[in-house]
Protein backbone atom coordinates (compact mmCIF):
# COMPACT_ATOMS: atom_id res chain seq x y z
CA MET A 1 -5.83 -98.36 -59.18
CA SER A 2 -3.74 -100.74 -61.27
CA PHE A 3 0.06 -100.37 -62.14
CA GLY A 4 -0.14 -101.29 -65.66
CA GLN A 5 2.95 -101.19 -68.08
CA GLY A 6 3.26 -97.75 -68.44
CA GLY A 7 3.22 -96.54 -64.66
CA PRO A 8 0.48 -95.88 -62.05
CA SER A 9 -2.33 -94.42 -63.33
CA TRP A 10 -4.56 -92.13 -61.02
CA GLY A 11 -8.50 -91.72 -60.74
CA GLY A 12 -10.25 -88.83 -62.68
CA PRO A 13 -11.59 -85.92 -60.82
CA GLU A 14 -14.52 -87.47 -60.91
CA GLY A 15 -13.46 -90.14 -58.21
CA GLN A 16 -11.88 -87.02 -56.06
CA GLN A 17 -9.21 -89.55 -54.51
CA SER A 18 -6.57 -88.33 -52.22
CA PRO A 19 -3.15 -89.14 -53.05
CA GLN A 20 -1.36 -91.74 -51.72
CA ASP A 21 2.19 -91.85 -50.57
CA PRO A 22 3.58 -95.10 -53.27
CA TYR A 23 5.01 -96.50 -49.61
CA GLY A 24 1.36 -96.58 -47.91
CA THR A 25 2.47 -93.75 -45.31
CA HIS A 26 -0.48 -90.31 -45.48
CA THR A 27 0.94 -87.19 -46.26
CA ALA A 28 0.80 -84.41 -43.47
CA PRO A 29 -2.28 -81.57 -44.76
CA ASP A 30 -1.63 -78.16 -45.39
CA THR A 31 -3.78 -76.35 -42.35
CA PRO A 32 -2.68 -76.48 -39.01
CA ASP A 33 -4.21 -77.41 -35.96
CA TRP A 34 -5.56 -75.01 -34.52
CA ALA A 35 -7.36 -77.26 -31.59
CA ALA A 36 -3.76 -78.18 -30.39
CA LEU A 37 -2.71 -74.99 -30.59
CA ALA A 38 -4.85 -72.99 -28.12
CA ASP A 39 -4.85 -76.58 -25.58
CA ALA A 40 -0.88 -75.72 -25.59
CA SER A 41 -1.14 -71.51 -25.44
CA ALA A 42 -3.74 -73.00 -22.32
CA ALA A 43 -1.17 -74.66 -20.35
CA ARG A 44 1.32 -72.20 -20.48
CA ALA A 45 -0.92 -69.71 -19.26
CA ARG A 46 -1.54 -72.25 -15.97
CA ARG A 47 1.51 -72.48 -15.82
CA LYS A 48 2.90 -68.65 -15.22
CA ARG A 49 -0.02 -67.68 -13.21
CA TRP A 50 0.80 -70.86 -10.69
CA MET A 51 4.32 -69.01 -10.98
CA TYR A 52 3.10 -65.83 -10.10
CA ILE A 53 0.55 -66.86 -6.82
CA GLY A 54 3.99 -69.19 -5.64
CA GLY A 55 6.57 -66.06 -6.23
CA GLY A 56 3.88 -63.75 -4.51
CA VAL A 57 3.68 -66.59 -1.49
CA LEU A 58 6.66 -66.65 -0.70
CA ALA A 59 7.06 -63.16 -0.56
CA THR A 60 4.83 -63.06 2.02
CA ALA A 61 6.11 -65.69 4.01
CA ILE A 62 9.87 -64.01 3.81
CA VAL A 63 8.19 -60.96 5.04
CA GLY A 64 5.99 -62.18 7.62
CA ALA A 65 9.62 -63.97 9.15
CA ILE A 66 11.56 -60.35 8.86
CA VAL A 67 8.81 -59.05 10.87
CA ALA A 68 8.80 -61.89 13.32
CA THR A 69 12.85 -61.47 13.65
CA ALA A 70 11.95 -57.86 14.43
CA VAL A 71 9.40 -58.41 16.50
CA VAL A 72 11.95 -61.25 18.61
CA THR A 73 14.79 -59.31 18.96
CA THR A 74 12.72 -56.03 20.60
CA ASN A 75 11.55 -58.31 22.92
CA ASN A 76 15.07 -60.01 23.28
CA ASN A 77 16.22 -56.44 24.27
CA THR A 78 13.88 -56.35 28.08
CA ASP A 79 16.40 -59.38 29.12
CA PRO A 80 19.42 -57.72 31.37
CA ASN A 81 21.20 -60.03 30.21
CA ASN A 82 21.60 -59.30 26.52
CA THR A 83 24.01 -57.13 26.06
CA THR A 84 23.98 -57.18 22.26
CA ALA A 85 20.88 -55.71 21.33
CA THR A 86 20.40 -52.00 20.98
CA GLU A 87 18.50 -50.92 23.78
CA LEU A 88 15.38 -48.32 22.15
CA PRO A 89 15.03 -44.83 23.55
CA THR A 90 12.13 -44.74 26.27
CA PRO A 91 9.83 -41.09 26.99
CA GLU A 92 11.59 -40.64 29.71
CA THR A 93 15.26 -40.99 28.07
CA LEU A 94 14.03 -38.70 24.87
CA PRO A 95 15.84 -35.45 24.51
CA THR A 96 13.54 -32.50 25.46
CA GLU A 97 13.40 -28.87 23.56
CA SER A 98 14.77 -26.37 25.31
CA ALA A 99 12.71 -23.50 26.53
CA GLN A 100 13.36 -20.52 24.36
CA PRO A 101 12.83 -16.87 25.85
CA GLY A 102 9.92 -15.35 23.63
CA PRO A 103 9.63 -11.95 23.57
CA SER A 104 8.91 -9.26 26.11
CA PHE A 105 6.68 -6.33 26.58
CA SER A 106 6.34 -3.31 29.30
CA SER A 107 2.73 -3.42 30.79
CA GLN A 108 3.49 0.43 31.11
CA ALA A 109 2.68 2.50 28.71
CA PRO A 110 4.54 5.14 27.23
CA PRO A 111 3.71 8.74 28.23
CA PRO A 112 2.10 10.40 25.91
CA PRO A 113 4.46 13.29 23.76
CA PRO A 114 4.82 16.83 25.04
CA ASN A 115 1.83 19.15 23.73
CA PRO A 116 3.67 22.04 22.62
CA ARG A 117 1.53 24.64 23.64
CA ASP A 118 2.66 23.16 27.92
CA PHE A 119 6.17 24.74 26.18
CA ILE A 120 4.50 28.71 25.62
CA SER A 121 2.58 28.81 28.55
CA SER A 122 5.51 29.87 30.70
CA ALA A 123 7.86 31.18 30.53
CA GLN A 124 10.11 29.00 32.62
CA LYS A 125 9.68 26.47 29.56
CA ASP A 126 9.76 29.15 27.05
CA LYS A 127 13.33 29.13 26.72
CA LEU A 128 13.71 29.93 22.67
CA PRO A 129 15.21 32.91 21.71
CA LEU A 130 12.93 35.57 21.18
CA SER A 131 13.31 38.80 18.55
CA ALA A 132 11.40 41.10 15.96
CA ASP A 133 13.81 39.12 13.91
CA THR A 134 12.44 35.40 15.29
CA LEU A 135 8.57 36.25 15.34
CA PHE A 136 8.73 37.47 12.05
CA PRO A 137 11.75 36.67 9.90
CA GLY A 138 12.61 37.78 6.44
CA LYS A 139 11.88 40.71 4.13
CA LYS A 140 8.60 39.69 2.59
CA LEU A 141 5.43 37.69 4.11
CA LYS A 142 3.41 35.27 1.49
CA MET A 143 0.57 33.82 2.49
CA GLY A 144 -1.59 31.80 -0.14
CA ASP A 145 -0.72 34.13 -3.83
CA ARG A 146 -0.39 37.50 -1.55
CA ALA A 147 2.71 38.71 -0.38
CA TYR A 148 3.33 41.55 1.69
CA ALA A 149 6.61 43.33 2.22
CA LYS A 150 7.90 44.33 5.54
CA GLY A 151 8.69 47.33 6.92
CA ALA A 152 9.53 48.32 10.13
CA THR A 153 10.31 46.11 13.53
CA ASN A 154 9.93 47.35 16.32
CA ARG A 155 10.40 45.83 20.19
CA THR A 156 10.49 47.41 23.77
CA THR A 157 10.39 46.75 27.52
CA SER A 158 7.99 49.34 27.89
CA CYS A 159 4.44 48.10 26.94
CA SER A 160 2.51 51.21 26.64
CA ALA A 161 4.76 52.87 24.57
CA ALA A 162 4.18 50.25 21.94
CA THR A 163 -0.12 51.19 22.30
CA GLN A 164 -2.95 53.91 22.44
CA GLY A 165 -5.54 54.60 24.52
CA ALA A 166 -6.33 52.51 27.59
CA LEU A 167 -4.44 49.17 26.00
CA GLY A 168 -1.38 50.41 27.47
CA SER A 169 -2.40 50.22 31.67
CA VAL A 170 -3.99 46.49 30.50
CA LEU A 171 -0.66 45.32 29.27
CA ALA A 172 0.63 46.84 32.54
CA SER A 173 -0.86 45.84 35.16
CA ASN A 174 -0.92 41.87 33.92
CA GLY A 175 2.52 42.06 34.09
CA CYS A 176 3.30 42.75 30.31
CA ASP A 177 7.16 42.22 29.70
CA GLN A 178 7.88 43.74 26.29
CA VAL A 179 5.86 44.54 22.71
CA ILE A 180 7.29 43.22 19.34
CA ARG A 181 5.92 45.27 16.73
CA ALA A 182 5.76 44.12 13.14
CA THR A 183 4.48 46.40 10.02
CA TYR A 184 3.75 44.84 5.99
CA ALA A 185 2.07 46.72 3.46
CA LYS A 186 0.75 45.68 0.34
CA ASP A 187 -1.46 47.77 -2.68
CA GLY A 188 -1.64 51.10 -0.26
CA VAL A 189 -2.90 48.71 2.90
CA ALA A 190 -0.37 48.40 5.98
CA VAL A 191 -1.20 46.52 9.39
CA THR A 192 0.81 46.36 12.20
CA ILE A 193 1.20 43.34 14.53
CA GLY A 194 2.07 43.27 17.94
CA VAL A 195 2.42 40.75 20.32
CA ALA A 196 2.27 41.29 24.03
CA VAL A 197 5.06 38.84 25.96
CA PHE A 198 3.58 37.51 29.80
CA ASP A 199 4.90 34.89 32.03
CA THR A 200 2.14 33.06 32.39
CA ALA A 201 -1.08 31.52 29.72
CA ALA A 202 -3.23 32.93 32.33
CA GLN A 203 -1.95 36.28 32.08
CA ALA A 204 -1.85 36.63 28.40
CA GLN A 205 -5.81 35.68 28.10
CA GLN A 206 -6.80 38.15 30.99
CA ALA A 207 -4.92 40.93 29.07
CA LYS A 208 -6.68 39.97 25.93
CA GLU A 209 -10.64 39.88 27.64
CA GLN A 210 -9.38 42.74 29.34
CA ALA A 211 -8.34 44.71 25.75
CA SER A 212 -9.22 48.32 25.57
CA GLY A 213 -8.10 50.96 23.08
CA GLY A 214 -5.43 49.38 20.50
CA LEU A 215 -2.26 48.62 19.61
CA ALA A 216 0.02 52.01 17.99
CA SER A 217 0.91 51.80 14.15
CA LEU A 218 4.53 51.30 13.63
CA PRO A 219 5.87 53.06 10.36
CA GLY A 220 8.66 53.68 8.78
CA ALA A 221 11.37 51.53 6.11
CA GLY A 222 8.93 52.80 3.58
CA VAL A 223 5.83 52.37 4.90
CA PRO A 224 4.30 55.96 6.07
CA THR A 225 1.77 56.79 8.66
CA PHE A 226 -0.63 55.07 8.88
CA CYS A 227 -3.73 54.77 11.67
CA ARG A 228 -3.22 57.55 13.61
CA GLY A 229 -4.33 60.77 14.01
CA GLY A 230 -8.35 59.98 14.11
CA SER A 231 -8.80 58.58 10.98
CA ILE A 232 -10.96 55.02 10.63
CA CYS A 233 -8.85 51.31 11.00
CA ARG A 234 -9.09 47.72 11.92
CA LYS A 235 -8.14 46.83 15.12
CA THR A 236 -7.96 42.69 16.83
CA THR A 237 -6.99 41.53 19.53
CA ASN A 238 -6.57 37.51 20.34
CA ALA A 239 -4.04 35.55 23.38
CA TYR A 240 -2.35 31.82 22.54
CA GLY A 241 -0.11 30.56 25.74
CA ARG A 242 1.74 33.53 27.43
CA TYR A 243 1.47 35.64 24.49
CA ALA A 244 -0.75 38.30 23.45
CA TYR A 245 -1.28 39.25 19.89
CA PHE A 246 -3.08 43.02 18.13
CA THR A 247 -3.94 44.09 15.10
CA VAL A 248 -4.17 47.52 13.77
CA ALA A 249 -4.72 47.78 9.37
CA GLY A 250 -5.56 50.09 7.52
CA PHE A 251 -4.97 52.60 4.64
CA THR A 252 -1.78 53.94 4.26
CA SER A 253 -3.66 57.02 2.35
CA GLY A 254 -5.64 57.98 5.60
CA LYS A 255 -9.00 56.93 4.48
CA ASN A 256 -11.27 55.54 6.63
CA VAL A 257 -12.08 51.74 6.70
CA THR A 258 -15.70 50.31 6.32
CA GLU A 259 -16.69 47.01 6.59
CA SER A 260 -16.63 46.61 2.42
CA ASP A 261 -13.19 46.98 2.65
CA GLN A 262 -12.43 43.36 2.57
CA ASP A 263 -8.06 44.00 1.19
CA VAL A 264 -7.69 45.74 4.47
CA PHE A 265 -10.11 42.57 6.80
CA THR A 266 -7.63 40.23 5.10
CA THR A 267 -4.88 41.90 5.53
CA GLY A 268 -5.27 42.05 9.14
CA ASP A 269 -6.66 38.31 9.16
CA ASP A 270 -3.37 37.05 7.11
CA LEU A 271 -0.89 38.46 9.71
CA ALA A 272 -2.82 37.62 12.85
CA GLU A 273 -2.72 34.08 11.60
CA PHE A 274 0.97 34.09 10.63
CA THR A 275 1.83 35.13 14.35
CA PHE A 276 -0.20 32.47 14.83
CA ARG A 277 1.51 29.63 13.47
CA GLN A 278 5.21 31.52 14.92
CA ILE A 279 3.76 30.72 18.41
CA HIS A 280 3.01 27.73 17.26
CA GLN A 281 5.90 26.61 16.22
CA ARG A 282 8.07 28.03 19.20
CA GLY A 283 5.60 24.67 21.40
CA LYS A 284 6.42 22.03 18.62
CA THR A 285 9.64 22.97 18.50
CA GLN A 286 10.68 22.42 21.94
CA ALA A 287 8.19 20.09 22.39
CA SER A 288 9.89 17.75 19.69
CA ALA A 289 13.59 18.42 21.64
CA ALA A 290 11.72 17.26 24.97
CA ALA A 291 11.06 14.47 23.56
CA THR A 292 14.43 14.03 21.92
CA ALA A 293 16.33 13.80 25.35
CA ALA A 294 13.78 12.13 27.11
CA GLY A 295 13.82 9.07 24.81
């Protein structure tokens, strides 16, 4: 480069020379120094890592010092002259749980409930009122879809007066106390049910086994005389508890009953079943009352 009169002159493009400061100093290049920046960043990272490590060591040392102090303080509690330390409870001084009372159960089984049959098997226990109204209540009897109208009723202590043939003497010989009768009718068929009452179940059972002849039908209250004068009727005999009960069923027209007359059989069976239920209910009622009184 030469300085002429017209000022400095620079080399052309072919020389590619960098411009120089006329005072002899170089200008800073436009591109940053990446290597230097990387070295600086690495140095900062190392300093932070050492700070973290140092902080962790310091925290560990502090915790260790606290634990050691606690151990020393605990050990000092064994000194009998140390009155400032709080004594830890020993196993002997720990509070014990008080015994709580548990549920108690009786080793004796409760007695079984009274048997209803026991109350209807003896006059000494069978104390409920007994009459035609208690055995045969209401004006009608319904069994399933069948309804029967009640006719006459009767109660007599002359047991033979309510019978036909040899049945009277059988009842009397076994100690019959009374006979209660009721008559029901439906569609030309009538049935009289009679209940003979004894003091014990053994007497009633023996009367059933010795039964001969039959119950005398009971007309009246709209039911004409039936099963009299030699007409053939259907008869049944049974016993439950201290009660023996009998039926006599037939046509109100006086016609003889045959095996094909199922309506007569059904009527007699319905009345016998109803009477059994009534007697059993007497036992249930008295058994329930006895259980309640015992409880």
